[in-house]
Each structure stands twice: as structure tokens, then as C-alpha cells.
Amino acid sequence: MRLKVNPGLWVAVVLILFSFLPSAPGCLPVPGMPAVPLEKVTIGTYSGEWSGLIFIAEKKGYFTEIGLDAEVKLYESGPAAIKDLEARKLDIAGSAEFPFVSLSPGMPDLRIMGAITRADTIQVIARKDHGIASPLDMKGKEVGVVFQSNGDYYLGLFLLYNNLALSDIKRVNMSPQQITDNLTAGDIGAVIIWEPHVYNLRERLGDKVVTWPAQAGQDFYWLVISRDEVLKARPTLGEKFFSAMIRAEAFAAEHPEEAQAIVAQRLNVSDAYIKYTWPKSKLEVSLPQALLIVMEDEARWMIKNGLTAVNKVPNYINYIYFDGIQAVKPGAVTIIR
């Protein structure tokens, strides 16, 4: 007995099967319709594990699946990425919150879209052969720091907690690579820096240095930042971006070992380093009230130490773009407004 099959049913089956095939580059498949071009977005972020959700979304294809053609560029620091964002070389920049506080007075178009990590990885490292065995020995010494980075702020707090003032040391502005090179060569006695530089310096210098945690248990937030002009012109960009971040967050929670492997491969670092640093950061999409409190504290610190022309703490709610996270993870938004 031969079964008769409706030709229309075969067409439907073929269309369904084709819907699961990879699409042409730059397009999303829509059964029975022409492919839809992806929305191009250029993301600049730090070449470290704090950017882990971006790397996971990139590797797993979440950006493409949500409709974005994402180009991810790596930077030495948040301030460098923010400056390229302002120069219109990027659509989205990754940065800690202090560079935003530091740079936003001169860049009023900047907008915080949300946080994708919170972390505690910044340390002070000092050479014993420069006569530094305790924090008090840093008095009168040059200290390498990336100006306008979170290291700048946490250096001030570290000194305060150890009965020193910012005026008791000489801040020397350096790039992260310069900090690593100068401390290794012994050209400077102390620095404040983040991972993976902390790990690499301790591996390289061993018992020649002493290290101290600089954050006193206070996490910093790794933010994604854009410009008001971009977000107004592209109203679905934030929702698409955070849709990919939510999927990456779930993947990292459900498959931590694979997530670590993805980040290690993207950054070309060892498995040993990733296992060491992974517990120091929490990959999590959020827009918390605590972020506002931290930024206000940082603004007050800058004003007190004469590091800004601003003489009043801004209302940072005016610098936050709520729509992206609110559309895909409303429970992550705890800012009172």
C-alpha cells in the first residue's frame, strides 16, 4: 500500500528544515522571506575576564542570533575605550565606573547601559629593594597608576586606609604595559594595577615584591557605555545587546568550565590563570542602586582631591539608559527613580 502525501506538506517540511541551516554571512534566516541584514555594532572592551560575557556571546553566536553583526575590539583599559567611543570609533565601550565618573564631565553624551561584571582584582605591588615592606614605606615614593582608571581611585582609598594622603606619594601616569615594564625593571618602586598584570608580575618577580589588596572588599562594576546620539538613533540596540548578554550569563552559570575555556582562548591566557582569577569576578547583568552610590562616592573623592573641575556631584540617573536591560531583565534594575 502506497501512502499519498500532500505536496503542500512537503513544501512546509522543506521550509522548516531550511530554517535550521546557517544563513548567509550578515543575514538572519526567515523561512519563506528574504534574509534580513544584521545590524552592525562595534564594541570596544578590556582584554580581560571582566569582558567575559561579551566573549561568550561572540563565541557562541548569540550576537548573530539576536540580529547583531558584532565586531569586538580589545583595549588595555576602560579610559582608552571610552575615548574611542567619544571619537565615534565605537558604538559601545566597556569600562569600569570610575573612568565614566572621571571622563563624563567633558563627554556629556556618554550613557551607561548597564553592568556585565562586578570584580575585586586591583592590587598594590611594591618592590622590596626600593625599601618598601609596608604601605607606610610608600611615603615620598613614585607610584605608577593609570590616570582616570579605577586604579586611580583605589590608590586614594588604599592610602587613606593606611594613614597616608594622596599628597604623600607622587602619582606617575603610565599605561598598563608601562606599569609592568617599569616595575619589572626596577625603575619604579610601587604600582597599582589589575589582573592579569597582578598575576604576571607576581609570577615574574616572586619574593622581590610585596602585594596588598587595594579595594578593601568593595567591588567595581564593569559597565557597557554608549552615546546618547547612538541610542536615540538605534532604539533597539540596547535590547538586542542585552538579550545576547542574558544568554551568555546563563551559559556561564550552567557551563562554567566551558565559559572559562572560551575566555582563556579569546585572551590567549593559561588555564591556570583563568582558574586563579575566575572567582574574583561575577559575570552578571545588572543595573543596581549600589552603582549609583559608588559613583557618587568616587565623584566626591575627585572633588575633594582637586582632580576634577566639577564642584558638585552630578545626578548620575540622568546618565543612565534604562531601556535595554529593562526590556530583557527588568529584575536586574534596582535603581530607585
Protein backbone atom coordinates (compact mmCIF):
# COMPACT_ATOMS: atom_id res chain seq x y z
CA MET A 1 0.00 0.00 0.00
CA ARG A 2 1.44 3.40 -1.02
CA LEU A 3 0.78 6.45 1.08
CA LYS A 4 -0.25 9.63 -0.66
CA VAL A 5 1.45 12.75 0.67
CA ASN A 6 0.09 16.21 0.15
CA PRO A 7 2.71 18.19 -1.89
CA GLY A 8 2.00 21.21 0.26
CA LEU A 9 3.12 19.24 3.31
CA TRP A 10 6.48 18.52 1.65
CA VAL A 11 6.99 22.22 0.98
CA ALA A 12 6.29 23.04 4.61
CA VAL A 13 8.76 20.38 5.80
CA VAL A 14 11.49 21.66 3.46
CA LEU A 15 10.99 25.24 4.64
CA ILE A 16 11.23 24.16 8.26
CA LEU A 17 14.43 22.21 7.59
CA PHE A 18 15.99 25.15 5.75
CA SER A 19 15.19 27.42 8.67
CA PHE A 20 17.76 25.50 10.73
CA LEU A 21 20.56 25.87 8.19
CA PRO A 22 23.24 28.56 8.68
CA SER A 23 22.34 31.81 7.00
CA ALA A 24 24.44 33.73 4.54
CA PRO A 25 27.04 36.00 6.16
CA GLY A 26 25.47 39.15 7.57
CA CYS A 27 21.91 37.84 7.34
CA LEU A 28 19.32 36.13 9.52
CA PRO A 29 17.16 33.36 8.02
CA VAL A 30 13.41 33.90 7.94
CA PRO A 31 11.55 30.96 6.34
CA GLY A 32 9.81 31.98 3.15
CA MET A 33 11.21 35.52 3.22
CA PRO A 34 14.42 37.23 2.04
CA ALA A 35 17.30 37.21 4.53
CA VAL A 36 17.41 40.24 6.85
CA PRO A 37 20.78 42.06 7.15
CA LEU A 38 22.33 42.08 10.61
CA GLU A 39 22.76 45.36 12.46
CA LYS A 40 26.45 46.26 12.62
CA VAL A 41 27.83 47.14 16.07
CA THR A 42 31.43 47.82 17.10
CA ILE A 43 32.25 47.01 20.73
CA GLY A 44 35.49 48.02 22.44
CA THR A 45 36.33 46.44 25.79
CA TYR A 46 39.19 45.47 28.08
CA SER A 47 41.24 42.43 27.19
CA GLY A 48 40.42 40.71 30.47
CA GLU A 49 37.95 38.36 32.08
CA TRP A 50 35.63 41.21 33.11
CA SER A 51 34.54 41.24 29.46
CA GLY A 52 33.71 37.54 29.69
CA LEU A 53 30.02 37.81 28.76
CA ILE A 54 30.95 39.66 25.56
CA PHE A 55 33.47 36.96 24.63
CA ILE A 56 30.97 34.17 25.35
CA ALA A 57 28.25 35.86 23.28
CA GLU A 58 30.77 36.32 20.47
CA LYS A 59 31.93 32.68 20.53
CA LYS A 60 28.50 31.08 20.94
CA GLY A 61 26.92 33.17 18.18
CA TYR A 62 24.43 34.92 20.46
CA PHE A 63 25.03 38.31 18.85
CA THR A 64 24.29 36.92 15.40
CA GLU A 65 21.21 35.04 16.58
CA ILE A 66 19.77 38.20 18.12
CA GLY A 67 20.37 40.23 14.94
CA LEU A 68 23.76 41.88 15.52
CA ASP A 69 26.92 41.75 13.45
CA ALA A 70 29.30 42.43 16.35
CA GLU A 71 32.94 43.39 15.94
CA VAL A 72 34.78 43.17 19.27
CA LYS A 73 37.96 45.21 19.71
CA LEU A 74 40.27 44.77 22.71
CA TYR A 75 41.77 47.63 24.76
CA GLU A 76 44.36 47.97 27.53
CA SER A 77 41.98 49.94 29.73
CA GLY A 78 38.49 51.38 30.06
CA PRO A 79 39.56 55.03 29.59
CA ALA A 80 41.11 54.14 26.21
CA ALA A 81 37.87 52.51 25.06
CA ILE A 82 35.75 55.44 26.26
CA LYS A 83 37.91 57.89 24.34
CA ASP A 84 37.43 55.89 21.15
CA LEU A 85 33.69 55.78 21.86
CA GLU A 86 33.65 59.57 22.09
CA ALA A 87 35.68 59.74 18.87
CA ARG A 88 32.94 57.68 17.17
CA LYS A 89 35.24 54.72 16.54
CA LEU A 90 32.97 52.51 18.68
CA ASP A 91 29.25 52.10 19.28
CA ILE A 92 29.66 50.51 22.74
CA ALA A 93 32.60 50.66 25.15
CA GLY A 94 33.39 48.51 28.19
CA SER A 95 34.77 50.33 31.22
CA ALA A 96 34.74 50.36 34.99
CA GLU A 97 32.60 53.02 36.60
CA PHE A 98 35.39 55.35 37.78
CA PRO A 99 36.60 56.22 34.25
CA PHE A 100 33.00 57.14 33.47
CA VAL A 101 32.86 59.39 36.55
CA SER A 102 36.21 60.90 35.61
CA LEU A 103 35.56 61.47 31.90
CA SER A 104 31.82 62.17 31.68
CA PRO A 105 32.04 65.87 32.70
CA GLY A 106 33.86 66.52 29.43
CA MET A 107 31.78 63.99 27.48
CA PRO A 108 28.14 64.76 28.34
CA ASP A 109 26.87 62.48 25.56
CA LEU A 110 28.03 59.32 27.38
CA ARG A 111 25.35 56.96 28.70
CA ILE A 112 25.63 53.91 30.96
CA MET A 113 23.67 50.98 29.52
CA GLY A 114 24.32 48.62 32.44
CA ALA A 115 26.90 46.43 34.16
CA ILE A 116 28.02 42.99 32.99
CA THR A 117 30.51 42.13 35.77
CA ARG A 118 31.50 43.14 39.25
CA ALA A 119 35.01 42.34 40.43
CA ASP A 120 37.72 42.72 43.07
CA THR A 121 41.07 42.32 41.28
CA ILE A 122 43.07 45.52 41.87
CA GLN A 123 46.24 45.34 43.97
CA VAL A 124 49.17 47.48 45.03
CA ILE A 125 52.52 45.86 44.20
CA ALA A 126 55.81 47.20 45.59
CA ARG A 127 59.45 46.22 45.25
CA LYS A 128 61.30 45.36 48.46
CA ASP A 129 64.59 46.63 47.02
CA HIS A 130 63.05 50.11 46.96
CA GLY A 131 62.72 49.94 50.73
CA ILE A 132 59.00 49.16 50.73
CA ALA A 133 57.90 46.49 53.19
CA SER A 134 54.68 48.08 54.43
CA PRO A 135 52.23 50.59 52.95
CA LEU A 136 53.69 53.38 55.12
CA ASP A 137 57.03 52.90 53.33
CA MET A 138 55.38 54.26 50.17
CA LYS A 139 55.52 57.78 51.61
CA GLY A 140 57.57 60.01 49.31
CA LYS A 141 57.79 57.33 46.63
CA GLU A 142 56.66 57.36 42.99
CA VAL A 143 53.67 55.13 42.34
CA GLY A 144 52.69 54.06 38.83
CA VAL A 145 48.98 54.30 38.06
CA VAL A 146 46.73 54.60 35.02
CA PHE A 147 45.21 58.06 35.43
CA GLN A 148 41.40 58.19 35.31
CA SER A 149 41.20 54.41 35.79
CA ASN A 150 39.73 52.59 38.78
CA GLY A 151 43.31 52.15 39.95
CA ASP A 152 43.49 55.91 40.46
CA TYR A 153 40.51 55.88 42.82
CA TYR A 154 41.51 52.75 44.72
CA LEU A 155 45.03 54.09 45.20
CA GLY A 156 43.47 57.02 47.07
CA LEU A 157 41.39 54.69 49.25
CA PHE A 158 44.35 52.40 49.89
CA LEU A 159 46.44 55.31 51.09
CA LEU A 160 43.59 56.59 53.27
CA TYR A 161 43.12 53.18 54.93
CA ASN A 162 46.86 53.15 55.69
CA ASN A 163 47.02 56.64 57.22
CA LEU A 164 48.51 58.27 54.15
CA ALA A 165 47.25 61.05 51.90
CA LEU A 166 47.41 61.32 48.13
CA SER A 167 49.90 64.16 48.64
CA ASP A 168 52.25 61.78 50.48
CA ILE A 169 53.17 59.97 47.24
CA LYS A 170 53.89 61.02 43.68
CA ARG A 171 51.39 59.61 41.18
CA VAL A 172 53.02 58.77 37.84
CA ASN A 173 50.69 58.30 34.88
CA MET A 174 51.51 55.11 32.96
CA SER A 175 49.79 52.68 30.65
CA PRO A 176 49.27 49.13 31.98
CA GLN A 177 52.16 47.89 29.83
CA GLN A 178 54.43 50.68 31.12
CA ILE A 179 53.50 49.76 34.68
CA THR A 180 54.50 46.15 34.05
CA ASP A 181 57.76 47.09 32.29
CA ASN A 182 58.86 49.72 34.81
CA LEU A 183 58.16 47.64 37.91
CA THR A 184 59.89 44.62 36.36
CA ALA A 185 62.97 46.70 35.50
CA GLY A 186 63.02 48.29 38.95
CA ASP A 187 62.60 51.79 37.52
CA ILE A 188 59.70 52.45 39.90
CA GLY A 189 59.09 51.19 43.40
CA ALA A 190 55.33 50.70 43.55
CA VAL A 191 52.32 50.45 41.26
CA ILE A 192 48.61 49.83 41.44
CA ILE A 193 47.21 47.57 38.74
CA TRP A 194 44.61 44.92 37.95
CA GLU A 195 44.56 41.41 36.57
CA PRO A 196 46.14 39.81 34.61
CA HIS A 197 49.03 42.19 35.30
CA VAL A 198 48.99 41.34 39.02
CA TYR A 199 49.29 37.63 38.28
CA ASN A 200 52.02 38.13 35.68
CA LEU A 201 54.09 40.45 37.89
CA ARG A 202 53.90 38.12 40.87
CA GLU A 203 54.92 35.19 38.66
CA ARG A 204 57.82 37.18 37.23
CA LEU A 205 59.12 38.92 40.37
CA GLY A 206 58.26 36.39 43.09
CA ASP A 207 59.59 37.33 46.52
CA LYS A 208 61.10 40.56 45.19
CA VAL A 209 57.72 42.22 45.69
CA VAL A 210 55.01 42.61 48.30
CA THR A 211 51.35 42.92 47.32
CA TRP A 212 48.26 44.25 49.05
CA PRO A 213 44.59 44.15 48.02
CA ALA A 214 43.53 47.69 47.15
CA GLN A 215 39.73 47.54 47.05
CA ALA A 216 39.04 46.72 50.71
CA GLY A 217 36.27 44.35 49.64
CA GLN A 218 34.46 46.97 47.53
CA ASP A 219 33.67 45.60 44.07
CA PHE A 220 33.91 47.76 40.99
CA TYR A 221 31.41 47.42 38.15
CA TRP A 222 32.34 46.66 34.57
CA LEU A 223 29.95 48.79 32.55
CA VAL A 224 28.85 48.92 28.94
CA ILE A 225 28.61 52.51 27.77
CA SER A 226 27.35 54.18 24.63
CA ARG A 227 26.46 57.68 23.48
CA ASP A 228 23.04 59.28 23.68
CA GLU A 229 23.20 60.03 19.95
CA VAL A 230 23.73 56.33 19.13
CA LEU A 231 21.00 55.05 21.45
CA LYS A 232 18.43 57.51 20.13
CA ALA A 233 19.25 56.70 16.51
CA ARG A 234 19.23 52.94 17.18
CA PRO A 235 16.46 52.34 19.75
CA THR A 236 16.61 48.52 19.59
CA LEU A 237 20.41 48.28 20.00
CA GLY A 238 20.34 48.11 23.80
CA GLU A 239 17.65 45.43 23.89
CA LYS A 240 19.48 43.31 21.32
CA PHE A 241 22.82 43.68 23.10
CA PHE A 242 21.44 42.68 26.50
CA SER A 243 19.47 39.81 25.02
CA ALA A 244 22.84 38.38 23.99
CA MET A 245 24.33 39.18 27.41
CA ILE A 246 21.49 37.39 29.23
CA ARG A 247 22.10 34.25 27.17
CA ALA A 248 25.84 34.49 27.86
CA GLU A 249 25.19 34.95 31.59
CA ALA A 250 23.03 31.80 31.67
CA PHE A 251 25.66 29.86 29.73
CA ALA A 252 28.44 30.91 32.12
CA ALA A 253 26.35 29.83 35.12
CA GLU A 254 25.37 26.47 33.60
CA HIS A 255 28.70 25.62 31.93
CA PRO A 256 31.44 27.34 34.00
CA GLU A 257 34.32 25.21 32.71
CA GLU A 258 33.42 25.78 29.07
CA ALA A 259 32.90 29.50 29.78
CA GLN A 260 36.37 29.69 31.31
CA ALA A 261 37.85 27.91 28.31
CA ILE A 262 36.18 30.38 25.91
CA VAL A 263 37.57 33.37 27.82
CA ALA A 264 41.04 31.83 28.16
CA GLN A 265 41.18 31.13 24.42
CA ARG A 266 39.94 34.63 23.49
CA LEU A 267 42.57 36.27 25.70
CA ASN A 268 45.32 33.75 24.97
CA VAL A 269 45.95 33.12 28.67
CA SER A 270 46.65 29.89 30.55
CA ASP A 271 44.06 27.66 32.16
CA ALA A 272 45.95 28.18 35.43
CA TYR A 273 45.39 31.93 35.24
CA ILE A 274 41.67 31.60 34.47
CA LYS A 275 41.15 29.21 37.40
CA TYR A 276 43.01 31.65 39.67
CA THR A 277 41.10 34.76 38.60
CA TRP A 278 37.60 33.41 37.86
CA PRO A 279 36.35 33.58 41.50
CA LYS A 280 37.40 37.24 41.70
CA SER A 281 34.72 38.34 39.21
CA LYS A 282 30.98 37.72 38.94
CA LEU A 283 29.62 37.76 35.40
CA GLU A 284 26.19 39.25 35.90
CA VAL A 285 23.90 41.65 34.04
CA SER A 286 22.74 44.34 36.45
CA LEU A 287 21.82 47.97 36.96
CA PRO A 288 21.93 48.23 40.76
CA GLN A 289 21.35 51.05 43.22
CA ALA A 290 24.81 50.30 44.62
CA LEU A 291 26.33 51.50 41.34
CA LEU A 292 24.94 55.00 41.92
CA ILE A 293 26.29 55.05 45.46
CA VAL A 294 29.77 54.00 44.31
CA MET A 295 29.86 56.63 41.55
CA GLU A 296 28.73 59.38 43.93
CA ASP A 297 31.48 58.39 46.40
CA GLU A 298 34.03 58.49 43.58
CA ALA A 299 32.84 61.91 42.42
CA ARG A 300 33.14 63.28 45.97
CA TRP A 301 36.67 61.85 46.22
CA MET A 302 37.69 63.53 42.96
CA ILE A 303 36.24 66.87 44.07
CA LYS A 304 37.94 66.64 47.48
CA ASN A 305 41.34 65.92 45.89
CA GLY A 306 41.05 68.56 43.18
CA LEU A 307 41.08 66.03 40.35
CA THR A 308 38.08 67.49 38.51
CA ALA A 309 36.75 70.89 37.52
CA VAL A 310 33.30 69.78 38.73
CA ASN A 311 32.40 71.14 42.18
CA LYS A 312 29.10 69.30 42.68
CA VAL A 313 28.25 65.59 42.49
CA PRO A 314 26.16 65.04 39.33
CA ASN A 315 22.83 63.25 39.31
CA TYR A 316 24.01 60.08 37.59
CA ILE A 317 20.47 58.87 36.92
CA ASN A 318 20.50 61.39 34.06
CA TYR A 319 23.42 59.46 32.52
CA ILE A 320 21.77 56.04 32.57
CA TYR A 321 19.96 54.42 29.65
CA PHE A 322 17.44 52.07 31.26
CA ASP A 323 15.55 50.77 28.22
CA GLY A 324 17.91 47.97 27.11
CA ILE A 325 18.15 45.98 30.37
CA GLN A 326 14.60 46.90 31.36
CA ALA A 327 13.27 45.20 28.22
CA VAL A 328 15.00 41.85 28.78
CA LYS A 329 15.80 41.57 32.51
CA PRO A 330 13.69 44.07 34.48
CA GLY A 331 14.54 42.40 37.79
CA ALA A 332 18.19 43.42 37.31
CA VAL A 333 17.25 47.09 37.60
CA THR A 334 17.13 48.14 41.27
CA ILE A 335 17.95 51.83 40.87
CA ILE A 336 15.32 53.96 42.56
CA ARG A 337 13.97 56.64 40.24
